[in-house]
């Protein structure tokens, strides 16, 4: 069977977490692909604090190798660094990414010259 073909060993991260832009009121999802046999214990942390699977934080497992954390009803308090811990009897792997917010008000970059909008120029 497929299970027997898998090599036993410490977990490996096949596709890393990526930073996610939070839209307030929406859900944000951090996901990665992992390889681990025997099946690993997955734990998620925010700024070092373990997150419990529940109404706010949802642990997602999609076959064959995707694990994700969904943060529901995003607010500014959800911004920060999230870490996944994947462990089995052979070892442990970690990865981290941030939930960030896209600023609606982006301050002008003082190093960039102001561009004049294109259009016909008329001299009277």
N, C-alpha and C. Protein backbone atom coordinates (compact mmCIF):
# COMPACT_ATOMS: atom_id res chain seq x y z
N UNK A 1 0.84 -1.19 0.00
CA UNK A 1 0.00 0.00 0.00
C UNK A 1 0.88 1.25 0.00
N UNK A 2 0.26 2.39 -0.26
CA UNK A 2 1.01 3.64 -0.34
C UNK A 2 1.71 3.96 0.99
N UNK A 3 1.04 3.64 2.09
CA UNK A 3 1.61 3.93 3.40
C UNK A 3 2.99 3.28 3.57
N UNK A 4 3.13 2.03 3.08
CA UNK A 4 4.38 1.31 3.28
C UNK A 4 5.51 1.87 2.44
N UNK A 5 5.17 2.55 1.35
CA UNK A 5 6.21 3.11 0.48
C UNK A 5 6.83 4.37 1.09
N UNK A 6 6.11 5.00 2.00
CA UNK A 6 6.61 6.24 2.58
C UNK A 6 7.75 5.94 3.53
N UNK A 7 8.76 6.76 3.48
CA UNK A 7 9.90 6.55 4.37
C UNK A 7 9.62 7.13 5.74
N UNK A 8 10.01 6.37 6.74
CA UNK A 8 9.90 6.89 8.10
C UNK A 8 11.03 7.87 8.32
N UNK A 9 10.71 8.96 9.00
CA UNK A 9 11.75 9.95 9.27
C UNK A 9 11.15 11.22 9.82
N UNK A 10 12.01 12.19 10.13
CA UNK A 10 11.51 13.44 10.69
C UNK A 10 10.70 14.22 9.65
N UNK A 11 9.79 15.06 10.11
CA UNK A 11 8.97 15.84 9.18
C UNK A 11 9.83 16.78 8.33
N UNK A 12 9.35 17.01 7.11
CA UNK A 12 10.01 17.98 6.23
C UNK A 12 8.96 18.93 5.68
N UNK A 13 9.35 20.17 5.48
CA UNK A 13 8.45 21.15 4.88
C UNK A 13 8.74 21.20 3.39
N UNK A 14 7.75 20.87 2.58
CA UNK A 14 7.94 20.81 1.13
C UNK A 14 7.66 22.16 0.48
N UNK A 15 6.69 22.88 1.01
CA UNK A 15 6.37 24.21 0.50
C UNK A 15 6.14 25.10 1.69
N UNK A 16 6.94 26.16 1.81
CA UNK A 16 6.95 26.98 3.02
C UNK A 16 5.73 27.87 3.13
N UNK A 17 5.49 28.31 4.36
CA UNK A 17 4.45 29.31 4.62
C UNK A 17 4.83 30.60 3.93
N UNK A 18 3.84 31.37 3.52
CA UNK A 18 4.08 32.69 2.94
C UNK A 18 3.30 33.73 3.74
N UNK A 19 3.85 34.95 3.80
CA UNK A 19 3.13 36.03 4.47
C UNK A 19 1.78 36.24 3.79
N UNK A 20 0.79 36.60 4.59
CA UNK A 20 -0.58 36.78 4.10
C UNK A 20 -1.03 38.19 4.45
N UNK A 21 -1.72 38.83 3.50
CA UNK A 21 -2.29 40.16 3.76
C UNK A 21 -3.68 39.96 4.35
N UNK A 22 -3.92 40.62 5.49
CA UNK A 22 -5.20 40.51 6.18
C UNK A 22 -6.15 41.59 5.67
N UNK A 23 -7.36 41.19 5.37
CA UNK A 23 -8.43 42.14 5.09
C UNK A 23 -9.35 42.07 6.29
N UNK A 24 -9.52 43.21 6.99
CA UNK A 24 -10.30 43.20 8.22
C UNK A 24 -11.69 42.60 7.99
N UNK A 25 -12.11 41.74 8.92
CA UNK A 25 -13.41 41.10 8.82
C UNK A 25 -13.41 39.82 8.01
N UNK A 26 -12.33 39.58 7.26
CA UNK A 26 -12.25 38.36 6.46
C UNK A 26 -11.35 37.35 7.15
N UNK A 27 -11.34 36.15 6.60
CA UNK A 27 -10.46 35.11 7.13
C UNK A 27 -9.11 35.19 6.43
N UNK A 28 -8.06 34.90 7.16
CA UNK A 28 -6.71 34.80 6.58
C UNK A 28 -6.29 33.34 6.71
N UNK A 29 -5.55 32.86 5.71
CA UNK A 29 -5.17 31.44 5.71
C UNK A 29 -3.67 31.32 5.45
N UNK A 30 -3.02 30.63 6.37
CA UNK A 30 -1.60 30.30 6.21
C UNK A 30 -1.54 28.81 5.89
N UNK A 31 -0.86 28.45 4.79
CA UNK A 31 -0.75 27.01 4.53
C UNK A 31 0.62 26.62 4.02
N UNK A 32 0.95 25.36 4.25
CA UNK A 32 2.21 24.82 3.77
C UNK A 32 2.02 23.34 3.47
N UNK A 33 2.98 22.79 2.73
CA UNK A 33 2.96 21.35 2.42
C UNK A 33 4.04 20.69 3.25
N UNK A 34 3.69 19.56 3.82
CA UNK A 34 4.63 18.85 4.68
C UNK A 34 4.72 17.39 4.28
N UNK A 35 5.83 16.79 4.64
CA UNK A 35 6.00 15.36 4.44
C UNK A 35 6.41 14.79 5.80
N UNK A 36 5.63 13.84 6.31
CA UNK A 36 5.97 13.24 7.59
C UNK A 36 5.32 11.87 7.70
N UNK A 37 6.13 10.90 8.07
CA UNK A 37 5.62 9.55 8.34
C UNK A 37 6.46 8.97 9.46
N UNK A 38 5.90 8.49 10.56
CA UNK A 38 4.46 8.45 10.82
C UNK A 38 3.84 9.86 10.91
N UNK A 39 2.49 9.87 10.86
CA UNK A 39 1.76 11.14 10.85
C UNK A 39 2.20 12.03 12.00
N UNK A 40 2.37 13.32 11.70
CA UNK A 40 2.91 14.22 12.71
C UNK A 40 1.84 14.86 13.58
N UNK A 41 2.30 15.43 14.67
CA UNK A 41 1.49 16.31 15.51
C UNK A 41 1.72 17.72 14.98
N UNK A 42 0.64 18.42 14.66
CA UNK A 42 0.73 19.78 14.13
C UNK A 42 0.31 20.75 15.23
N UNK A 43 1.13 21.76 15.48
CA UNK A 43 0.76 22.81 16.43
C UNK A 43 1.06 24.15 15.80
N UNK A 44 0.20 25.12 16.05
CA UNK A 44 0.38 26.48 15.53
C UNK A 44 0.58 27.44 16.71
N UNK A 45 1.42 28.43 16.49
CA UNK A 45 1.71 29.44 17.52
C UNK A 45 1.62 30.83 16.90
N UNK A 46 1.24 31.80 17.72
CA UNK A 46 1.31 33.21 17.31
C UNK A 46 2.18 33.91 18.33
N UNK A 47 3.29 34.50 17.85
CA UNK A 47 4.22 35.20 18.73
C UNK A 47 4.59 34.32 19.94
N UNK A 48 4.76 33.02 19.70
CA UNK A 48 5.18 32.11 20.76
C UNK A 48 4.06 31.50 21.59
N UNK A 49 2.83 31.98 21.44
CA UNK A 49 1.70 31.43 22.20
C UNK A 49 0.98 30.39 21.35
N UNK A 50 0.76 29.21 21.94
CA UNK A 50 0.07 28.16 21.16
C UNK A 50 -1.39 28.54 20.91
N UNK A 51 -1.85 28.28 19.69
CA UNK A 51 -3.22 28.58 19.30
C UNK A 51 -4.04 27.29 19.36
N UNK A 52 -5.20 27.37 19.95
CA UNK A 52 -6.07 26.20 20.04
C UNK A 52 -7.03 26.17 18.86
N UNK A 53 -7.26 24.98 18.33
CA UNK A 53 -8.23 24.80 17.26
C UNK A 53 -9.62 25.10 17.84
N UNK A 54 -10.32 26.04 17.24
CA UNK A 54 -11.63 26.42 17.77
C UNK A 54 -12.31 27.41 16.84
N UNK A 55 -13.23 28.22 17.37
CA UNK A 55 -13.98 29.12 16.49
C UNK A 55 -13.11 30.19 15.84
N UNK A 56 -12.07 30.65 16.54
CA UNK A 56 -11.23 31.72 15.99
C UNK A 56 -10.15 31.17 15.07
N UNK A 57 -9.46 30.14 15.53
CA UNK A 57 -8.36 29.53 14.76
C UNK A 57 -8.78 28.13 14.35
N UNK A 58 -8.72 27.87 13.06
CA UNK A 58 -9.17 26.57 12.57
C UNK A 58 -7.98 25.83 11.98
N UNK A 59 -7.71 24.66 12.51
CA UNK A 59 -6.65 23.81 11.95
C UNK A 59 -7.25 23.07 10.76
N UNK A 60 -6.57 23.13 9.62
CA UNK A 60 -7.08 22.50 8.41
C UNK A 60 -6.06 21.47 7.94
N UNK A 61 -6.55 20.29 7.55
CA UNK A 61 -5.70 19.24 7.00
C UNK A 61 -6.30 18.83 5.66
N UNK A 62 -5.55 19.00 4.60
CA UNK A 62 -6.04 18.61 3.27
C UNK A 62 -5.09 17.55 2.72
N UNK A 63 -5.67 16.42 2.31
CA UNK A 63 -4.81 15.35 1.79
C UNK A 63 -4.16 15.77 0.49
N UNK A 64 -2.99 15.26 0.19
CA UNK A 64 -2.27 14.34 1.06
C UNK A 64 -1.32 15.05 2.01
N UNK A 65 -0.97 16.32 1.76
CA UNK A 65 0.16 16.86 2.52
C UNK A 65 0.04 18.34 2.85
N UNK A 66 -1.16 18.91 2.73
CA UNK A 66 -1.32 20.34 3.02
C UNK A 66 -1.88 20.52 4.43
N UNK A 67 -1.24 21.38 5.19
CA UNK A 67 -1.78 21.77 6.50
C UNK A 67 -1.93 23.28 6.49
N UNK A 68 -2.98 23.77 7.15
CA UNK A 68 -3.24 25.20 7.12
C UNK A 68 -3.83 25.65 8.44
N UNK A 69 -3.69 26.95 8.68
CA UNK A 69 -4.35 27.61 9.80
C UNK A 69 -5.22 28.69 9.21
N UNK A 70 -6.51 28.67 9.54
CA UNK A 70 -7.41 29.73 9.10
C UNK A 70 -7.72 30.59 10.31
N UNK A 71 -7.46 31.89 10.17
CA UNK A 71 -7.76 32.86 11.23
C UNK A 71 -9.06 33.54 10.80
N UNK A 72 -10.11 33.34 11.57
CA UNK A 72 -11.42 33.86 11.18
C UNK A 72 -11.63 35.27 11.70
N UNK A 73 -12.49 36.02 11.00
CA UNK A 73 -12.88 37.38 11.42
C UNK A 73 -11.66 38.22 11.76
N UNK A 74 -10.81 38.41 10.76
CA UNK A 74 -9.54 39.10 10.98
C UNK A 74 -9.69 40.50 11.55
N UNK A 75 -8.88 40.78 12.56
CA UNK A 75 -8.81 42.13 13.14
C UNK A 75 -7.33 42.51 13.25
N UNK A 76 -7.09 43.75 13.60
CA UNK A 76 -5.70 44.21 13.73
C UNK A 76 -4.93 43.41 14.76
N UNK A 77 -5.64 42.85 15.75
CA UNK A 77 -4.94 42.06 16.79
C UNK A 77 -4.42 40.74 16.24
N UNK A 78 -4.85 40.36 15.02
CA UNK A 78 -4.37 39.11 14.43
C UNK A 78 -3.06 39.29 13.66
N UNK A 79 -2.61 40.53 13.51
CA UNK A 79 -1.35 40.75 12.81
C UNK A 79 -0.22 40.19 13.65
N UNK A 80 0.81 39.65 13.00
CA UNK A 80 1.95 39.16 13.76
C UNK A 80 2.56 37.94 13.10
N UNK A 81 3.49 37.34 13.83
CA UNK A 81 4.23 36.20 13.31
C UNK A 81 3.60 34.90 13.79
N UNK A 82 3.33 34.01 12.85
CA UNK A 82 2.74 32.71 13.13
C UNK A 82 3.76 31.63 12.81
N UNK A 83 3.81 30.60 13.65
CA UNK A 83 4.77 29.52 13.48
C UNK A 83 4.04 28.20 13.52
N UNK A 84 4.44 27.29 12.61
CA UNK A 84 3.90 25.93 12.65
C UNK A 84 4.99 25.01 13.18
N UNK A 85 4.59 24.09 14.02
CA UNK A 85 5.49 23.05 14.53
C UNK A 85 4.92 21.71 14.06
N UNK A 86 5.76 20.94 13.38
CA UNK A 86 5.36 19.63 12.87
C UNK A 86 6.31 18.62 13.51
N UNK A 87 5.76 17.73 14.32
CA UNK A 87 6.66 16.80 15.01
C UNK A 87 6.12 15.37 14.96
N UNK A 88 7.06 14.43 14.90
CA UNK A 88 6.71 13.02 15.07
C UNK A 88 7.83 12.37 15.89
N UNK A 89 7.82 11.05 15.98
CA UNK A 89 8.80 10.38 16.84
C UNK A 89 10.24 10.56 16.34
N UNK A 90 10.42 10.98 15.09
CA UNK A 90 11.78 11.12 14.54
C UNK A 90 12.34 12.54 14.61
N UNK A 91 11.49 13.50 14.92
CA UNK A 91 12.01 14.87 14.98
C UNK A 91 10.92 15.91 14.81
N UNK A 92 11.37 17.14 14.54
CA UNK A 92 10.44 18.27 14.48
C UNK A 92 10.90 19.24 13.41
N UNK A 93 9.94 19.89 12.74
CA UNK A 93 10.26 20.94 11.76
C UNK A 93 9.41 22.16 12.10
N UNK A 94 9.94 23.33 11.79
CA UNK A 94 9.24 24.59 12.07
C UNK A 94 9.24 25.44 10.81
N UNK A 95 8.23 26.29 10.71
CA UNK A 95 8.25 27.34 9.68
C UNK A 95 7.41 28.49 10.22
N UNK A 96 7.70 29.70 9.73
CA UNK A 96 6.98 30.88 10.20
C UNK A 96 6.63 31.78 9.03
N UNK A 97 5.57 32.55 9.22
CA UNK A 97 5.20 33.59 8.27
C UNK A 97 4.40 34.63 9.05
N UNK A 98 4.16 35.76 8.41
CA UNK A 98 3.45 36.84 9.10
C UNK A 98 2.09 37.08 8.45
N UNK A 99 1.16 37.52 9.30
CA UNK A 99 -0.08 38.10 8.79
C UNK A 99 0.14 39.60 8.88
N UNK A 100 0.03 40.26 7.72
CA UNK A 100 0.29 41.70 7.65
C UNK A 100 -0.97 42.39 7.14
N UNK A 101 -0.98 43.70 7.21
CA UNK A 101 -2.14 44.43 6.72
C UNK A 101 -1.69 45.34 5.60
N UNK A 102 -2.53 45.44 4.59
CA UNK A 102 -2.21 46.32 3.48
C UNK A 102 -2.72 47.69 3.86
N UNK A 103 -1.79 48.66 3.95
CA UNK A 103 -2.19 50.00 4.38
C UNK A 103 -3.04 50.67 3.32
N UNK A 104 -4.16 51.23 3.77
CA UNK A 104 -4.98 51.99 2.84
C UNK A 104 -4.31 53.34 2.58
N UNK A 105 -3.69 53.89 3.62
CA UNK A 105 -2.99 55.16 3.48
C UNK A 105 -1.51 54.86 3.38
N UNK A 106 -0.97 54.90 2.18
CA UNK A 106 0.45 54.63 2.01
C UNK A 106 1.17 55.99 1.97
N UNK A 107 2.06 56.25 2.92
CA UNK A 107 2.72 57.56 2.90
C UNK A 107 3.58 57.70 1.65
N UNK A 108 3.67 58.92 1.08
CA UNK A 108 4.48 59.08 -0.12
C UNK A 108 5.95 58.80 0.17
N UNK A 109 6.61 58.23 -0.79
CA UNK A 109 8.03 57.89 -0.64
C UNK A 109 8.84 59.15 -0.96
N UNK A 110 9.55 59.70 0.03
CA UNK A 110 10.27 60.96 -0.21
C UNK A 110 11.42 60.81 -1.20
N UNK A 111 11.87 59.58 -1.44
CA UNK A 111 13.00 59.40 -2.37
C UNK A 111 12.54 59.39 -3.82
N UNK A 112 11.23 59.32 -4.05
CA UNK A 112 10.71 59.27 -5.43
C UNK A 112 10.28 60.65 -5.88
N UNK A 113 10.70 61.08 -7.06
CA UNK A 113 10.21 62.37 -7.56
C UNK A 113 8.73 62.27 -7.91
N UNK A 114 8.00 63.37 -7.71
CA UNK A 114 6.58 63.37 -8.06
C UNK A 114 6.44 63.35 -9.57
N UNK A 115 5.56 62.51 -10.05
CA UNK A 115 5.33 62.43 -11.48
C UNK A 115 4.16 63.32 -11.85
N UNK A 116 4.31 64.01 -12.97
CA UNK A 116 3.22 64.83 -13.47
C UNK A 116 2.35 63.90 -14.31
N UNK A 117 1.04 63.89 -14.08
CA UNK A 117 0.21 62.96 -14.86
C UNK A 117 0.30 63.26 -16.35
N UNK A 118 0.32 62.22 -17.16
CA UNK A 118 0.40 62.44 -18.61
C UNK A 118 -0.88 63.08 -19.14
N UNK A 119 -0.78 63.81 -20.21
CA UNK A 119 -1.94 64.45 -20.81
C UNK A 119 -1.47 65.59 -21.68
N UNK A 120 -2.39 66.15 -22.43
CA UNK A 120 -1.97 67.26 -23.32
C UNK A 120 -1.58 68.50 -22.50
N UNK A 121 -0.50 69.10 -22.89
CA UNK A 121 -0.06 70.31 -22.20
C UNK A 121 -0.40 71.49 -23.12
N UNK A 122 -1.11 72.47 -22.57
CA UNK A 122 -1.49 73.62 -23.38
C UNK A 122 -0.88 74.88 -22.80
N UNK A 123 -0.34 75.68 -23.65
CA UNK A 123 0.20 76.98 -23.21
C UNK A 123 -0.69 78.05 -23.81
N UNK A 124 -1.21 78.95 -22.99
CA UNK A 124 -2.08 80.02 -23.51
C UNK A 124 -1.28 81.29 -23.65
